[in-house]
PDB file of N, CA and C in Angstrom:
ATOM      1  N   GLY A   1       0.800  -1.172   0.000  1.00  0.00           N
ATOM      2  CA  GLY A   1       0.000   0.000   0.000  1.00  0.00           C
ATOM      3  C   GLY A   1       0.858   1.257   0.000  1.00  0.00           C
ATOM      4  N   ALA A   2       0.238   2.326  -0.301  1.00  0.00           N
ATOM      5  CA  ALA A   2       0.936   3.606  -0.359  1.00  0.00           C
ATOM      6  C   ALA A   2       0.684   4.398   0.911  1.00  0.00           C
ATOM      7  N   MET A   3       1.591   5.300   1.195  1.00  0.00           N
ATOM      8  CA  MET A   3       1.439   6.175   2.342  1.00  0.00           C
ATOM      9  C   MET A   3       1.570   7.610   1.864  1.00  0.00           C
ATOM     10  N   LEU A   4       0.579   8.411   2.207  1.00  0.00           N
ATOM     11  CA  LEU A   4       0.592   9.809   1.833  1.00  0.00           C
ATOM     12  C   LEU A   4       0.993  10.626   3.048  1.00  0.00           C
ATOM     13  N   VAL A   5       2.008  11.452   2.890  1.00  0.00           N
ATOM     14  CA  VAL A   5       2.487  12.296   3.975  1.00  0.00           C
ATOM     15  C   VAL A   5       2.429  13.741   3.500  1.00  0.00           C
ATOM     16  N   GLU A   6       1.738  14.567   4.272  1.00  0.00           N
ATOM     17  CA  GLU A   6       1.627  15.978   3.928  1.00  0.00           C
ATOM     18  C   GLU A   6       2.014  16.834   5.123  1.00  0.00           C
ATOM     19  N   PRO A   7       3.298  17.072   5.320  1.00  0.00           N
ATOM     20  CA  PRO A   7       3.687  17.935   6.441  1.00  0.00           C
ATOM     21  C   PRO A   7       3.211  19.361   6.190  1.00  0.00           C
ATOM     22  N   THR A   8       2.874  20.040   7.253  1.00  0.00           N
ATOM     23  CA  THR A   8       2.398  21.414   7.114  1.00  0.00           C
ATOM     24  C   THR A   8       3.566  22.384   7.214  1.00  0.00           C
ATOM     25  N   GLU A   9       3.265  23.624   6.948  1.00  0.00           N
ATOM     26  CA  GLU A   9       4.306  24.657   7.006  1.00  0.00           C
ATOM     27  C   GLU A   9       4.803  24.866   8.433  1.00  0.00           C
ATOM     28  N   THR A  10       4.031  24.418   9.419  1.00  0.00           N
ATOM     29  CA  THR A  10       4.413  24.638  10.810  1.00  0.00           C
ATOM     30  C   THR A  10       5.458  23.648  11.305  1.00  0.00           C
ATOM     31  N   GLU A  11       5.703  22.588  10.546  1.00  0.00           N
ATOM     32  CA  GLU A  11       6.720  21.616  10.944  1.00  0.00           C
ATOM     33  C   GLU A  11       8.092  22.181  10.635  1.00  0.00           C
ATOM     34  N   GLY A  12       8.967  22.099  11.620  1.00  0.00           N
ATOM     35  CA  GLY A  12      10.321  22.603  11.436  1.00  0.00           C
ATOM     36  C   GLY A  12      11.216  21.594  10.750  1.00  0.00           C
ATOM     37  N   LYS A  13      12.365  22.027  10.316  1.00  0.00           N
ATOM     38  CA  LYS A  13      13.314  21.158   9.627  1.00  0.00           C
ATOM     39  C   LYS A  13      13.749  20.013  10.530  1.00  0.00           C
ATOM     40  N   ARG A  14      13.967  20.299  11.805  1.00  0.00           N
ATOM     41  CA  ARG A  14      14.406  19.256  12.742  1.00  0.00           C
ATOM     42  C   ARG A  14      13.351  18.142  12.847  1.00  0.00           C
ATOM     43  N   THR A  15      12.078  18.512  12.954  1.00  0.00           N
ATOM     44  CA  THR A  15      10.996  17.527  13.043  1.00  0.00           C
ATOM     45  C   THR A  15      10.920  16.692  11.772  1.00  0.00           C
ATOM     46  N   LEU A  16      11.039  17.335  10.628  1.00  0.00           N
ATOM     47  CA  LEU A  16      10.995  16.615   9.354  1.00  0.00           C
ATOM     48  C   LEU A  16      12.192  15.684   9.211  1.00  0.00           C
ATOM     49  N   ASP A  17      13.378  16.120   9.668  1.00  0.00           N
ATOM     50  CA  ASP A  17      14.559  15.260   9.613  1.00  0.00           C
ATOM     51  C   ASP A  17      14.389  14.022  10.482  1.00  0.00           C
ATOM     52  N   ILE A  18      13.784  14.175  11.656  1.00  0.00           N
ATOM     53  CA  ILE A  18      13.528  13.029  12.532  1.00  0.00           C
ATOM     54  C   ILE A  18      12.563  12.059  11.863  1.00  0.00           C
ATOM     55  N   PHE A  19      11.527  12.595  11.239  1.00  0.00           N
ATOM     56  CA  PHE A  19      10.553  11.760  10.540  1.00  0.00           C
ATOM     57  C   PHE A  19      11.212  11.002   9.387  1.00  0.00           C
ATOM     58  N   ILE A  20      12.033  11.683   8.620  1.00  0.00           N
ATOM     59  CA  ILE A  20      12.723  11.041   7.498  1.00  0.00           C
ATOM     60  C   ILE A  20      13.658   9.948   7.995  1.00  0.00           C
ATOM     61  N   ASP A  21      14.360  10.206   9.094  1.00  0.00           N
ATOM     62  CA  ASP A  21      15.238   9.178   9.664  1.00  0.00           C
ATOM     63  C   ASP A  21      14.442   7.945  10.095  1.00  0.00           C
ATOM     64  N   ALA A  22      13.264   8.174  10.658  1.00  0.00           N
ATOM     65  CA  ALA A  22      12.411   7.054  11.065  1.00  0.00           C
ATOM     66  C   ALA A  22      11.982   6.233   9.847  1.00  0.00           C
ATOM     67  N   LEU A  23      11.579   6.898   8.773  1.00  0.00           N
ATOM     68  CA  LEU A  23      11.185   6.186   7.555  1.00  0.00           C
ATOM     69  C   LEU A  23      12.365   5.429   6.954  1.00  0.00           C
ATOM     70  N   ARG A  24      13.532   6.041   6.954  1.00  0.00           N
ATOM     71  CA  ARG A  24      14.721   5.355   6.433  1.00  0.00           C
ATOM     72  C   ARG A  24      15.054   4.125   7.274  1.00  0.00           C
ATOM     73  N   GLY A  25      14.854   4.222   8.590  1.00  0.00           N
ATOM     74  CA  GLY A  25      15.079   3.074   9.460  1.00  0.00           C
ATOM     75  C   GLY A  25      14.142   1.924   9.133  1.00  0.00           C
ATOM     76  N   LEU A  26      12.870   2.247   8.832  1.00  0.00           N
ATOM     77  CA  LEU A  26      11.916   1.205   8.452  1.00  0.00           C
ATOM     78  C   LEU A  26      12.303   0.549   7.133  1.00  0.00           C
ATOM     79  N   VAL A  27      12.757   1.352   6.181  1.00  0.00           N
ATOM     80  CA  VAL A  27      13.196   0.806   4.893  1.00  0.00           C
ATOM     81  C   VAL A  27      14.395  -0.119   5.099  1.00  0.00           C
ATOM     82  N   GLN A  28      15.329   0.285   5.955  1.00  0.00           N
ATOM     83  CA  GLN A  28      16.513  -0.534   6.214  1.00  0.00           C
ATOM     84  C   GLN A  28      16.134  -1.856   6.866  1.00  0.00           C
ATOM     85  N   LYS A  29      15.177  -1.833   7.806  1.00  0.00           N
ATOM     86  CA  LYS A  29      14.721  -3.080   8.429  1.00  0.00           C
ATOM     87  C   LYS A  29      14.127  -4.019   7.383  1.00  0.00           C
ATOM     88  N   ALA A  30      13.350  -3.454   6.479  1.00  0.00           N
ATOM     89  CA  ALA A  30      12.747  -4.276   5.428  1.00  0.00           C
ATOM     90  C   ALA A  30      13.816  -4.878   4.537  1.00  0.00           C
ATOM     91  N   ARG A  31      14.837  -4.130   4.218  1.00  0.00           N
ATOM     92  CA  ARG A  31      15.920  -4.640   3.363  1.00  0.00           C
ATOM     93  C   ARG A  31      16.788  -5.668   4.068  1.00  0.00           C
ATOM     94  N   ASP A  32      16.922  -5.549   5.397  1.00  0.00           N
ATOM     95  CA  ASP A  32      17.757  -6.470   6.164  1.00  0.00           C
ATOM     96  C   ASP A  32      17.046  -7.765   6.518  1.00  0.00           C
ATOM     97  N   GLY A  33      15.842  -7.944   6.019  1.00  0.00           N
ATOM     98  CA  GLY A  33      15.111  -9.169   6.287  1.00  0.00           C
ATOM     99  C   GLY A  33      14.250  -9.109   7.532  1.00  0.00           C
ATOM    100  N   GLU A  34      14.142  -7.952   8.138  1.00  0.00           N
ATOM    101  CA  GLU A  34      13.284  -7.796   9.309  1.00  0.00           C
ATOM    102  C   GLU A  34      11.913  -7.278   8.898  1.00  0.00           C
ATOM    103  N   GLY A  35      11.562  -7.456   7.655  1.00  0.00           N
ATOM    104  CA  GLY A  35      10.305  -6.929   7.133  1.00  0.00           C
ATOM    105  C   GLY A  35       9.076  -7.609   7.689  1.00  0.00           C
ATOM    106  N   GLU A  36       9.242  -8.800   8.277  1.00  0.00           N
ATOM    107  CA  GLU A  36       8.091  -9.519   8.825  1.00  0.00           C
ATOM    108  C   GLU A  36       7.400  -8.715   9.922  1.00  0.00           C
ATOM    109  N   ILE A  37       8.173  -7.979  10.691  1.00  0.00           N
ATOM    110  CA  ILE A  37       7.580  -7.155  11.747  1.00  0.00           C
ATOM    111  C   ILE A  37       6.708  -6.048  11.159  1.00  0.00           C
ATOM    112  N   LEU A  38       7.004  -5.639   9.950  1.00  0.00           N
ATOM    113  CA  LEU A  38       6.223  -4.594   9.295  1.00  0.00           C
ATOM    114  C   LEU A  38       4.982  -5.162   8.607  1.00  0.00           C
ATOM    115  N   ARG A  39       5.039  -6.424   8.240  1.00  0.00           N
ATOM    116  CA  ARG A  39       3.974  -7.035   7.446  1.00  0.00           C
ATOM    117  C   ARG A  39       2.631  -7.063   8.186  1.00  0.00           C
ATOM    118  N   ASN A  40       2.645  -7.269   9.486  1.00  0.00           N
ATOM    119  CA  ASN A  40       1.396  -7.362  10.244  1.00  0.00           C
ATOM    120  C   ASN A  40       1.084  -6.113  11.051  1.00  0.00           C
ATOM    121  N   ALA A  41       1.801  -5.044  10.793  1.00  0.00           N
ATOM    122  CA  ALA A  41       1.557  -3.785  11.510  1.00  0.00           C
ATOM    123  C   ALA A  41       0.180  -3.259  11.146  1.00  0.00           C
ATOM    124  N   PRO A  42      -0.450  -2.522  11.952  1.00  0.00           N
ATOM    125  CA  PRO A  42      -0.047  -1.911  13.211  1.00  0.00           C
ATOM    126  C   PRO A  42      -0.256  -2.855  14.397  1.00  0.00           C
ATOM    127  N   TYR A  43       0.523  -2.673  15.444  1.00  0.00           N
ATOM    128  CA  TYR A  43       0.459  -3.526  16.620  1.00  0.00           C
ATOM    129  C   TYR A  43      -0.213  -2.847  17.808  1.00  0.00           C
ATOM    130  N   LEU A  44      -0.042  -1.569  17.978  1.00  0.00           N
ATOM    131  CA  LEU A  44      -0.505  -0.880  19.179  1.00  0.00           C
ATOM    132  C   LEU A  44      -1.773  -0.079  18.958  1.00  0.00           C
ATOM    133  N   THR A  45      -2.584  -0.497  18.008  1.00  0.00           N
ATOM    134  CA  THR A  45      -3.845   0.186  17.747  1.00  0.00           C
ATOM    135  C   THR A  45      -4.994  -0.678  18.239  1.00  0.00           C
ATOM    136  N   PRO A  46      -6.155  -0.102  18.494  1.00  0.00           N
ATOM    137  CA  PRO A  46      -7.281  -0.897  18.986  1.00  0.00           C
ATOM    138  C   PRO A  46      -7.724  -1.979  18.008  1.00  0.00           C
ATOM    139  N   ARG A  47      -7.493  -1.768  16.739  1.00  0.00           N
ATOM    140  CA  ARG A  47      -7.901  -2.759  15.735  1.00  0.00           C
ATOM    141  C   ARG A  47      -6.686  -3.233  14.968  1.00  0.00           C
ATOM    142  N   ARG A  48      -6.725  -4.482  14.578  1.00  0.00           N
ATOM    143  CA  ARG A  48      -5.632  -5.063  13.807  1.00  0.00           C
ATOM    144  C   ARG A  48      -5.913  -4.875  12.320  1.00  0.00           C
ATOM    145  N   ARG A  49      -4.942  -5.201  11.518  1.00  0.00           N
ATOM    146  CA  ARG A  49      -5.122  -5.123  10.067  1.00  0.00           C
ATOM    147  C   ARG A  49      -6.185  -6.128   9.643  1.00  0.00           C
ATOM    148  N   LEU A  50      -7.079  -5.703   8.776  1.00  0.00           N
ATOM    149  CA  LEU A  50      -8.134  -6.578   8.303  1.00  0.00           C
ATOM    150  C   LEU A  50      -7.588  -7.609   7.323  1.00  0.00           C
ATOM    151  N   ASP A  51      -8.122  -8.809   7.389  1.00  0.00           N
ATOM    152  CA  ASP A  51      -7.759  -9.854   6.440  1.00  0.00           C
ATOM    153  C   ASP A  51      -8.712  -9.745   5.254  1.00  0.00           C
ATOM    154  N   GLU A  52      -8.376  -8.888   4.315  1.00  0.00           N
ATOM    155  CA  GLU A  52      -9.265  -8.614   3.183  1.00  0.00           C
ATOM    156  C   GLU A  52      -9.434  -9.833   2.287  1.00  0.00           C
ATOM    157  N   THR A  53      -8.374 -10.622   2.114  1.00  0.00           N
ATOM    158  CA  THR A  53      -8.471 -11.821   1.281  1.00  0.00           C
ATOM    159  C   THR A  53      -9.407 -12.831   1.922  1.00  0.00           C
ATOM    160  N   GLY A  54      -9.240 -13.059   3.218  1.00  0.00           N
ATOM    161  CA  GLY A  54     -10.122 -13.989   3.924  1.00  0.00           C
ATOM    162  C   GLY A  54     -11.569 -13.530   3.899  1.00  0.00           C
ATOM    163  N   ALA A  55     -11.778 -12.235   4.050  1.00  0.00           N
ATOM    164  CA  ALA A  55     -13.139 -11.700   4.016  1.00  0.00           C
ATOM    165  C   ALA A  55     -13.765 -11.867   2.637  1.00  0.00           C
ATOM    166  N   ALA A  56     -12.976 -11.720   1.596  1.00  0.00           N
ATOM    167  CA  ALA A  56     -13.500 -11.885   0.237  1.00  0.00           C
ATOM    168  C   ALA A  56     -13.788 -13.354  -0.068  1.00  0.00           C
ATOM    169  N   ARG A  57     -12.950 -14.253   0.434  1.00  0.00           N
ATOM    170  CA  ARG A  57     -13.136 -15.685   0.156  1.00  0.00           C
ATOM    171  C   ARG A  57     -14.201 -16.326   1.034  1.00  0.00           C
ATOM    172  N   HIS A  58     -14.365 -15.828   2.254  1.00  0.00           N
ATOM    173  CA  HIS A  58     -15.323 -16.400   3.195  1.00  0.00           C
ATOM    174  C   HIS A  58     -16.164 -15.292   3.829  1.00  0.00           C
ATOM    175  N   PRO A  59     -17.034 -14.668   3.032  1.00  0.00           N
ATOM    176  CA  PRO A  59     -17.817 -13.563   3.587  1.00  0.00           C
ATOM    177  C   PRO A  59     -18.829 -14.070   4.621  1.00  0.00           C
ATOM    178  N   VAL A  60     -19.038 -13.291   5.635  1.00  0.00           N
ATOM    179  CA  VAL A  60     -20.056 -13.574   6.652  1.00  0.00           C
ATOM    180  C   VAL A  60     -21.134 -12.512   6.480  1.00  0.00           C
ATOM    181  N   LEU A  61     -22.251 -12.948   5.943  1.00  0.00           N
ATOM    182  CA  LEU A  61     -23.346 -12.029   5.656  1.00  0.00           C
ATOM    183  C   LEU A  61     -24.520 -12.359   6.560  1.00  0.00           C
ATOM    184  N   ARG A  62     -25.099 -11.352   7.150  1.00  0.00           N
ATOM    185  CA  ARG A  62     -26.254 -11.546   8.022  1.00  0.00           C
ATOM    186  C   ARG A  62     -27.359 -10.590   7.614  1.00  0.00           C
ATOM    187  N   TRP A  63     -28.580 -11.094   7.647  1.00  0.00           N
ATOM    188  CA  TRP A  63     -29.732 -10.258   7.376  1.00  0.00           C
ATOM    189  C   TRP A  63     -30.779 -10.563   8.433  1.00  0.00           C
ATOM    190  N   THR A  64     -31.314  -9.540   9.015  1.00  0.00           N
ATOM    191  CA  THR A  64     -32.409  -9.709   9.958  1.00  0.00           C
ATOM    192  C   THR A  64     -33.542  -8.810   9.505  1.00  0.00           C
ATOM    193  N   PRO A  65     -34.762  -9.315   9.541  1.00  0.00           N
ATOM    194  CA  PRO A  65     -35.884  -8.488   9.097  1.00  0.00           C
ATOM    195  C   PRO A  65     -36.075  -7.309  10.028  1.00  0.00           C
ATOM    196  N   ASP A  66     -36.544  -6.242   9.465  1.00  0.00           N
ATOM    197  CA  ASP A  66     -36.847  -5.038  10.230  1.00  0.00           C
ATOM    198  C   ASP A  66     -38.064  -5.331  11.100  1.00  0.00           C
ATOM    199  N   GLN A  67     -37.908  -5.277  12.415  1.00  0.00           N
ATOM    200  CA  GLN A  67     -38.976  -5.642  13.342  1.00  0.00           C
ATOM    201  C   GLN A  67     -40.207  -4.741  13.212  1.00  0.00           C
ATOM    202  N   SER A  68     -40.020  -3.473  12.851  1.00  0.00           N
ATOM    203  CA  SER A  68     -41.161  -2.561  12.724  1.00  0.00           C
ATOM    204  C   SER A  68     -42.037  -2.938  11.540  1.00  0.00           C
ATOM    205  N   LYS A  69     -41.453  -3.457  10.476  1.00  0.00           N
ATOM    206  CA  LYS A  69     -42.228  -3.854   9.312  1.00  0.00           C
ATOM    207  C   LYS A  69     -42.818  -5.240   9.481  1.00  0.00           C
ATOM    208  N   ALA A  70     -42.179  -6.091  10.293  1.00  0.00           N
ATOM    209  CA  ALA A  70     -42.677  -7.450  10.496  1.00  0.00           C
ATOM    210  C   ALA A  70     -44.014  -7.454  11.235  1.00  0.00           C
ATOM    211  N   ALA A  71     -44.281  -6.436  12.033  1.00  0.00           N
ATOM    212  CA  ALA A  71     -45.528  -6.375  12.802  1.00  0.00           C
ATOM    213  C   ALA A  71     -46.732  -5.976  11.944  1.00  0.00           C
ATOM    214  N   GLU A  72     -46.477  -5.441  10.769  1.00  0.00           N
ATOM    215  CA  GLU A  72     -47.582  -4.968   9.896  1.00  0.00           C
ATOM    216  C   GLU A  72     -48.357  -6.083   9.296  1.00  0.00           C
TER     217      GLU A  72
END
């Protein structure tokens, strides 16, 4: 996937340099064979990465009738 980064004018050069160093570190980990840790990211968020392939191959669909219309 792609990542879009749009720093604002309020970000200083030092902050942008730190961010760039962090991105370069991630690229280096991926090149050194440590990319597996990146493959299942994010780790510290309330939700994990969705398994889009599994969802497409084994969809779970539910339908329940609208109770207000069922009484008519």
